[in-house]
Amino acid sequence: MDATYNLSGGFKPTLKRFADLDGPDFFPTPAWATYALIDNEKFEGGIWEPACGNGAMSEVLAQTGRNVVSSDLYQRGYGEAGVDFVTANRRAANIVTNPPYNSAEGFVAAGVANAEKKFALLLRLAFLEGANRANTIFAKHPPARVWVFSERITFYPAGAEVKGSGTTAYAWFVWDKDAIGTELKWFKPGYKARYSQR
């Protein structure tokens, strides 16, 4: 087990999402899931994607017209390799990523500290649960918006055949330095069909 990705001491939430040989939790984000975010959240200034993998999310974020800086802890042929987001202490106007699941809490802490405007994480909707998170993350730094997907996202290891549908509910958690309070919102259905072929 890679200790780098056990920052909170927790276990992976599901055995279905197994580690690949090039490092843990490399499951590229389907483009349509990122389009849902950028269609509904506007970003001012540059964007840092700190768990960029093969660039799947970065390529969509670049369509906002913003400068996108991409990095990853592992070398996957895209962006700057060897950057540990949780300890890098780099500032950015906006930070957007799909973090390794068993270090999501560490990503939240680093994102809240280092994002100047907005910080968005793609997480399981169940991230809202838990007494520990209620007393730490959500009591001190609640997200401004939680965008719930009305369609299920299915993550596949790079190169795998895409078929079937996921069973886990996901949402974009957005921290916005200019917002007050927390809104619960839903993406309109249709993103998967509209953008999955792009």
C-alpha atoms as a PDB file:
ATOM      1  CA  MET A   1       0.000   0.000   0.000  1.00  0.00           C
ATOM      2  CA  ASP A   2       1.273   3.463  -0.910  1.00  0.00           C
ATOM      3  CA  ALA A   3       1.452   5.535   2.281  1.00  0.00           C
ATOM      4  CA  THR A   4       1.430   8.752   0.244  1.00  0.00           C
ATOM      5  CA  TYR A   5      -2.234   8.185  -0.483  1.00  0.00           C
ATOM      6  CA  ASN A   6      -3.275   7.307   3.052  1.00  0.00           C
ATOM      7  CA  LEU A   7      -3.012  10.794   4.474  1.00  0.00           C
ATOM      8  CA  SER A   8      -6.174  10.482   6.541  1.00  0.00           C
ATOM      9  CA  GLY A   9      -5.455   6.927   7.615  1.00  0.00           C
ATOM     10  CA  GLY A  10      -8.638   5.735   5.940  1.00  0.00           C
ATOM     11  CA  PHE A  11      -9.183   2.783   3.662  1.00  0.00           C
ATOM     12  CA  LYS A  12     -10.436   2.912   0.089  1.00  0.00           C
ATOM     13  CA  PRO A  13     -14.238   3.087   0.066  1.00  0.00           C
ATOM     14  CA  THR A  14     -14.612   0.328  -2.510  1.00  0.00           C
ATOM     15  CA  LEU A  15     -12.522  -2.541  -3.801  1.00  0.00           C
ATOM     16  CA  LYS A  16     -13.975  -1.994  -7.276  1.00  0.00           C
ATOM     17  CA  ARG A  17     -11.786   1.052  -7.718  1.00  0.00           C
ATOM     18  CA  PHE A  18      -8.439  -0.732  -7.630  1.00  0.00           C
ATOM     19  CA  ALA A  19      -4.966   0.734  -8.048  1.00  0.00           C
ATOM     20  CA  ASP A  20      -3.215   0.501 -11.397  1.00  0.00           C
ATOM     21  CA  LEU A  21       0.451  -0.345 -11.817  1.00  0.00           C
ATOM     22  CA  ASP A  22       1.527   3.282 -12.268  1.00  0.00           C
ATOM     23  CA  GLY A  23       0.187   4.487  -8.939  1.00  0.00           C
ATOM     24  CA  PRO A  24      -3.064   4.416  -6.992  1.00  0.00           C
ATOM     25  CA  ASP A  25      -6.439   5.614  -8.114  1.00  0.00           C
ATOM     26  CA  PHE A  26      -5.789   6.415 -11.768  1.00  0.00           C
ATOM     27  CA  PHE A  27      -9.275   6.551 -13.198  1.00  0.00           C
ATOM     28  CA  PRO A  28      -9.548   9.304 -15.837  1.00  0.00           C
ATOM     29  CA  THR A  29     -12.569  11.559 -15.457  1.00  0.00           C
ATOM     30  CA  PRO A  30     -15.096  11.267 -18.304  1.00  0.00           C
ATOM     31  CA  ALA A  31     -15.124  14.557 -20.214  1.00  0.00           C
ATOM     32  CA  TRP A  32     -18.852  15.091 -19.734  1.00  0.00           C
ATOM     33  CA  ALA A  33     -18.443  15.245 -15.944  1.00  0.00           C
ATOM     34  CA  THR A  34     -16.022  18.165 -16.292  1.00  0.00           C
ATOM     35  CA  TYR A  35     -18.222  19.904 -18.875  1.00  0.00           C
ATOM     36  CA  ALA A  36     -21.048  19.834 -16.324  1.00  0.00           C
ATOM     37  CA  LEU A  37     -18.863  21.820 -13.941  1.00  0.00           C
ATOM     38  CA  ILE A  38     -17.587  24.439 -16.391  1.00  0.00           C
ATOM     39  CA  ASP A  39     -21.067  24.964 -17.847  1.00  0.00           C
ATOM     40  CA  ASN A  40     -22.346  25.923 -14.400  1.00  0.00           C
ATOM     41  CA  GLU A  41     -19.359  27.454 -12.588  1.00  0.00           C
ATOM     42  CA  LYS A  42     -17.413  30.375 -14.031  1.00  0.00           C
ATOM     43  CA  PHE A  43     -13.737  30.738 -13.203  1.00  0.00           C
ATOM     44  CA  GLU A  44     -11.755  33.980 -13.143  1.00  0.00           C
ATOM     45  CA  GLY A  45      -8.006  33.592 -13.455  1.00  0.00           C
ATOM     46  CA  GLY A  46      -5.924  30.506 -14.019  1.00  0.00           C
ATOM     47  CA  ILE A  47      -6.783  26.933 -13.019  1.00  0.00           C
ATOM     48  CA  TRP A  48      -4.503  24.328 -11.447  1.00  0.00           C
ATOM     49  CA  GLU A  49      -5.386  20.662 -11.964  1.00  0.00           C
ATOM     50  CA  PRO A  50      -3.160  18.928  -9.359  1.00  0.00           C
ATOM     51  CA  ALA A  51      -4.133  15.288 -10.019  1.00  0.00           C
ATOM     52  CA  CYS A  52      -4.141  15.526 -13.799  1.00  0.00           C
ATOM     53  CA  GLY A  53      -3.413  11.908 -14.704  1.00  0.00           C
ATOM     54  CA  ASN A  54      -3.429  11.690 -18.495  1.00  0.00           C
ATOM     55  CA  GLY A  55      -4.883  15.182 -18.894  1.00  0.00           C
ATOM     56  CA  ALA A  56      -8.527  14.177 -19.387  1.00  0.00           C
ATOM     57  CA  MET A  57      -9.850  16.912 -17.096  1.00  0.00           C
ATOM     58  CA  SER A  58      -7.188  19.472 -17.994  1.00  0.00           C
ATOM     59  CA  GLU A  59      -8.101  19.313 -21.673  1.00  0.00           C
ATOM     60  CA  VAL A  60     -11.724  20.174 -20.887  1.00  0.00           C
ATOM     61  CA  LEU A  61     -10.769  22.903 -18.409  1.00  0.00           C
ATOM     62  CA  ALA A  62      -8.623  24.528 -21.118  1.00  0.00           C
ATOM     63  CA  GLN A  63     -11.825  25.150 -23.080  1.00  0.00           C
ATOM     64  CA  THR A  64     -12.779  27.804 -20.522  1.00  0.00           C
ATOM     65  CA  GLY A  65     -10.085  29.989 -22.097  1.00  0.00           C
ATOM     66  CA  ARG A  66      -8.202  30.067 -18.804  1.00  0.00           C
ATOM     67  CA  ASN A  67      -4.561  29.139 -18.371  1.00  0.00           C
ATOM     68  CA  VAL A  68      -4.499  25.575 -16.990  1.00  0.00           C
ATOM     69  CA  VAL A  69      -1.490  24.272 -15.062  1.00  0.00           C
ATOM     70  CA  SER A  70      -1.432  20.485 -14.729  1.00  0.00           C
ATOM     71  CA  SER A  71       0.511  18.304 -12.297  1.00  0.00           C
ATOM     72  CA  ASP A  72       0.372  14.880 -10.691  1.00  0.00           C
ATOM     73  CA  LEU A  73       2.222  12.910  -8.074  1.00  0.00           C
ATOM     74  CA  TYR A  74       2.893  10.236 -10.711  1.00  0.00           C
ATOM     75  CA  GLN A  75       4.235  10.402 -14.247  1.00  0.00           C
ATOM     76  CA  ARG A  76       1.433   9.633 -16.637  1.00  0.00           C
ATOM     77  CA  GLY A  77       2.713  11.493 -19.687  1.00  0.00           C
ATOM     78  CA  TYR A  78       0.884  14.749 -18.997  1.00  0.00           C
ATOM     79  CA  GLY A  79       1.718  17.770 -16.885  1.00  0.00           C
ATOM     80  CA  GLU A  80       4.419  18.115 -14.233  1.00  0.00           C
ATOM     81  CA  ALA A  81       5.173  14.868 -12.410  1.00  0.00           C
ATOM     82  CA  GLY A  82       6.282  14.456  -8.808  1.00  0.00           C
ATOM     83  CA  VAL A  83       4.098  17.211  -7.333  1.00  0.00           C
ATOM     84  CA  ASP A  84       2.373  16.224  -4.091  1.00  0.00           C
ATOM     85  CA  PHE A  85      -0.601  18.584  -3.961  1.00  0.00           C
ATOM     86  CA  VAL A  86      -1.177  18.133  -0.248  1.00  0.00           C
ATOM     87  CA  THR A  87       2.327  19.301   0.697  1.00  0.00           C
ATOM     88  CA  ALA A  88       3.269  21.489  -2.306  1.00  0.00           C
ATOM     89  CA  ASN A  89       1.954  24.716  -0.744  1.00  0.00           C
ATOM     90  CA  ARG A  90       1.399  26.341  -4.159  1.00  0.00           C
ATOM     91  CA  ARG A  91      -1.106  29.137  -4.629  1.00  0.00           C
ATOM     92  CA  ALA A  92      -3.511  29.302  -7.577  1.00  0.00           C
ATOM     93  CA  ALA A  93      -6.522  31.408  -8.485  1.00  0.00           C
ATOM     94  CA  ASN A  94      -8.618  28.271  -8.917  1.00  0.00           C
ATOM     95  CA  ILE A  95      -8.016  24.589  -8.241  1.00  0.00           C
ATOM     96  CA  VAL A  96     -10.118  21.876  -9.911  1.00  0.00           C
ATOM     97  CA  THR A  97      -9.514  18.136  -9.670  1.00  0.00           C
ATOM     98  CA  ASN A  98     -10.762  14.604  -9.108  1.00  0.00           C
ATOM     99  CA  PRO A  99      -8.608  13.549  -6.129  1.00  0.00           C
ATOM    100  CA  PRO A 100      -7.473  10.071  -5.099  1.00  0.00           C
ATOM    101  CA  TYR A 101     -10.328   8.961  -2.874  1.00  0.00           C
ATOM    102  CA  ASN A 102      -8.388   7.955   0.190  1.00  0.00           C
ATOM    103  CA  SER A 103      -6.679  11.338   0.391  1.00  0.00           C
ATOM    104  CA  ALA A 104      -9.736  13.496  -0.317  1.00  0.00           C
ATOM    105  CA  GLU A 105      -9.669  15.094   3.128  1.00  0.00           C
ATOM    106  CA  GLY A 106      -6.040  16.121   2.659  1.00  0.00           C
ATOM    107  CA  PHE A 107      -6.957  17.604  -0.727  1.00  0.00           C
ATOM    108  CA  VAL A 108      -9.754  19.641   0.835  1.00  0.00           C
ATOM    109  CA  ALA A 109      -7.425  21.116   3.450  1.00  0.00           C
ATOM    110  CA  ALA A 110      -4.767  21.978   0.846  1.00  0.00           C
ATOM    111  CA  GLY A 111      -7.303  23.359  -1.612  1.00  0.00           C
ATOM    112  CA  VAL A 112      -8.992  25.608   0.918  1.00  0.00           C
ATOM    113  CA  ALA A 113      -5.583  26.950   1.948  1.00  0.00           C
ATOM    114  CA  ASN A 114      -4.158  27.464  -1.541  1.00  0.00           C
ATOM    115  CA  ALA A 115      -7.076  28.479  -3.802  1.00  0.00           C
ATOM    116  CA  GLU A 116      -7.509  32.235  -4.053  1.00  0.00           C
ATOM    117  CA  LYS A 117     -10.969  32.166  -5.660  1.00  0.00           C
ATOM    118  CA  LYS A 118     -12.554  28.746  -6.221  1.00  0.00           C
ATOM    119  CA  PHE A 119     -11.666  25.192  -5.363  1.00  0.00           C
ATOM    120  CA  ALA A 120     -13.669  22.299  -6.862  1.00  0.00           C
ATOM    121  CA  LEU A 121     -13.394  18.598  -6.056  1.00  0.00           C
ATOM    122  CA  LEU A 122     -15.229  15.755  -7.764  1.00  0.00           C
ATOM    123  CA  LEU A 123     -16.196  13.447  -4.896  1.00  0.00           C
ATOM    124  CA  ARG A 124     -18.647  10.754  -3.944  1.00  0.00           C
ATOM    125  CA  LEU A 125     -21.869  12.321  -2.704  1.00  0.00           C
ATOM    126  CA  ALA A 126     -21.353  10.262   0.457  1.00  0.00           C
ATOM    127  CA  PHE A 127     -18.460  12.594   1.302  1.00  0.00           C
ATOM    128  CA  LEU A 128     -21.163  14.718   2.944  1.00  0.00           C
ATOM    129  CA  GLU A 129     -21.556  12.022   5.586  1.00  0.00           C
ATOM    130  CA  GLY A 130     -19.444  11.363   8.657  1.00  0.00           C
ATOM    131  CA  ALA A 131     -19.094  12.876  12.109  1.00  0.00           C
ATOM    132  CA  ASN A 132     -15.396  13.603  11.648  1.00  0.00           C
ATOM    133  CA  ARG A 133     -15.925  15.614   8.450  1.00  0.00           C
ATOM    134  CA  ALA A 134     -18.940  17.344  10.010  1.00  0.00           C
ATOM    135  CA  ASN A 135     -16.781  18.517  12.906  1.00  0.00           C
ATOM    136  CA  THR A 136     -13.725  19.456  10.866  1.00  0.00           C
ATOM    137  CA  ILE A 137     -14.187  20.218   7.156  1.00  0.00           C
ATOM    138  CA  PHE A 138     -17.841  21.205   7.070  1.00  0.00           C
ATOM    139  CA  ALA A 139     -17.928  23.051  10.392  1.00  0.00           C
ATOM    140  CA  LYS A 140     -14.854  25.144   9.549  1.00  0.00           C
ATOM    141  CA  HIS A 141     -14.850  25.340   5.737  1.00  0.00           C
ATOM    142  CA  PRO A 142     -18.173  24.265   4.218  1.00  0.00           C
ATOM    143  CA  PRO A 143     -18.407  24.271   0.417  1.00  0.00           C
ATOM    144  CA  ALA A 144     -20.342  27.090  -1.216  1.00  0.00           C
ATOM    145  CA  ARG A 145     -22.101  24.736  -3.601  1.00  0.00           C
ATOM    146  CA  VAL A 146     -22.585  21.004  -3.984  1.00  0.00           C
ATOM    147  CA  TRP A 147     -23.561  20.097  -7.562  1.00  0.00           C
ATOM    148  CA  VAL A 148     -25.204  16.671  -7.560  1.00  0.00           C
ATOM    149  CA  PHE A 149     -25.104  14.621 -10.754  1.00  0.00           C
ATOM    150  CA  SER A 150     -28.498  13.384 -11.915  1.00  0.00           C
ATOM    151  CA  GLU A 151     -26.667  10.807 -14.052  1.00  0.00           C
ATOM    152  CA  ARG A 152     -24.197   8.249 -12.743  1.00  0.00           C
ATOM    153  CA  ILE A 153     -20.518   8.604 -13.617  1.00  0.00           C
ATOM    154  CA  THR A 154     -18.642   5.412 -14.428  1.00  0.00           C
ATOM    155  CA  PHE A 155     -14.870   5.535 -13.991  1.00  0.00           C
ATOM    156  CA  TYR A 156     -12.662   3.114 -15.880  1.00  0.00           C
ATOM    157  CA  PRO A 157      -8.910   2.508 -15.737  1.00  0.00           C
ATOM    158  CA  ALA A 158      -7.151   4.071 -18.730  1.00  0.00           C
ATOM    159  CA  GLY A 159      -7.540   1.867 -21.810  1.00  0.00           C
ATOM    160  CA  ALA A 160     -10.445  -0.194 -20.442  1.00  0.00           C
ATOM    161  CA  GLU A 161     -13.560  -0.840 -22.514  1.00  0.00           C
ATOM    162  CA  VAL A 162     -16.312   1.591 -21.548  1.00  0.00           C
ATOM    163  CA  LYS A 163     -19.592  -0.191 -20.876  1.00  0.00           C
ATOM    164  CA  GLY A 164     -22.295  -0.365 -18.229  1.00  0.00           C
ATOM    165  CA  SER A 165     -23.235   2.240 -15.666  1.00  0.00           C
ATOM    166  CA  GLY A 166     -21.844   3.202 -12.287  1.00  0.00           C
ATOM    167  CA  THR A 167     -23.592   2.557  -8.986  1.00  0.00           C
ATOM    168  CA  THR A 168     -22.060   5.402  -6.972  1.00  0.00           C
ATOM    169  CA  ALA A 169     -23.496   8.910  -6.729  1.00  0.00           C
ATOM    170  CA  TYR A 170     -21.051  11.790  -7.330  1.00  0.00           C
ATOM    171  CA  ALA A 171     -21.064  15.547  -6.941  1.00  0.00           C
ATOM    172  CA  TRP A 172     -18.834  18.534  -7.543  1.00  0.00           C
ATOM    173  CA  PHE A 173     -18.012  20.214  -4.217  1.00  0.00           C
ATOM    174  CA  VAL A 174     -17.153  23.861  -4.857  1.00  0.00           C
ATOM    175  CA  TRP A 175     -15.521  26.149  -2.315  1.00  0.00           C
ATOM    176  CA  ASP A 176     -15.921  29.780  -3.374  1.00  0.00           C
ATOM    177  CA  LYS A 177     -14.145  32.514  -1.411  1.00  0.00           C
ATOM    178  CA  ASP A 178     -16.803  35.062  -2.468  1.00  0.00           C
ATOM    179  CA  ALA A 179     -19.821  33.005  -1.365  1.00  0.00           C
ATOM    180  CA  ILE A 180     -21.657  32.806   1.945  1.00  0.00           C
ATOM    181  CA  GLY A 181     -23.487  29.666   3.031  1.00  0.00           C
ATOM    182  CA  THR A 182     -23.914  26.348   1.194  1.00  0.00           C
ATOM    183  CA  GLU A 183     -26.246  25.633  -1.721  1.00  0.00           C
ATOM    184  CA  LEU A 184     -27.308  22.162  -2.831  1.00  0.00           C
ATOM    185  CA  LYS A 185     -27.859  22.099  -6.599  1.00  0.00           C
ATOM    186  CA  TRP A 186     -28.467  19.497  -9.294  1.00  0.00           C
ATOM    187  CA  PHE A 187     -27.058  19.249 -12.801  1.00  0.00           C
ATOM    188  CA  LYS A 188     -29.761  18.924 -15.432  1.00  0.00           C
ATOM    189  CA  PRO A 189     -29.888  15.481 -17.059  1.00  0.00           C
ATOM    190  CA  GLY A 190     -28.343  15.130 -20.504  1.00  0.00           C
ATOM    191  CA  TYR A 191     -24.655  15.877 -19.977  1.00  0.00           C
ATOM    192  CA  LYS A 192     -23.604  12.301 -20.580  1.00  0.00           C
ATOM    193  CA  ALA A 193     -25.348  12.118 -23.948  1.00  0.00           C
ATOM    194  CA  ARG A 194     -24.372  15.641 -24.992  1.00  0.00           C
ATOM    195  CA  TYR A 195     -20.669  15.486 -24.234  1.00  0.00           C
ATOM    196  CA  SER A 196     -19.616  11.834 -24.040  1.00  0.00           C
ATOM    197  CA  GLN A 197     -18.604  11.780 -27.700  1.00  0.00           C
ATOM    198  CA  ARG A 198     -16.293  14.803 -27.446  1.00  0.00           C
END
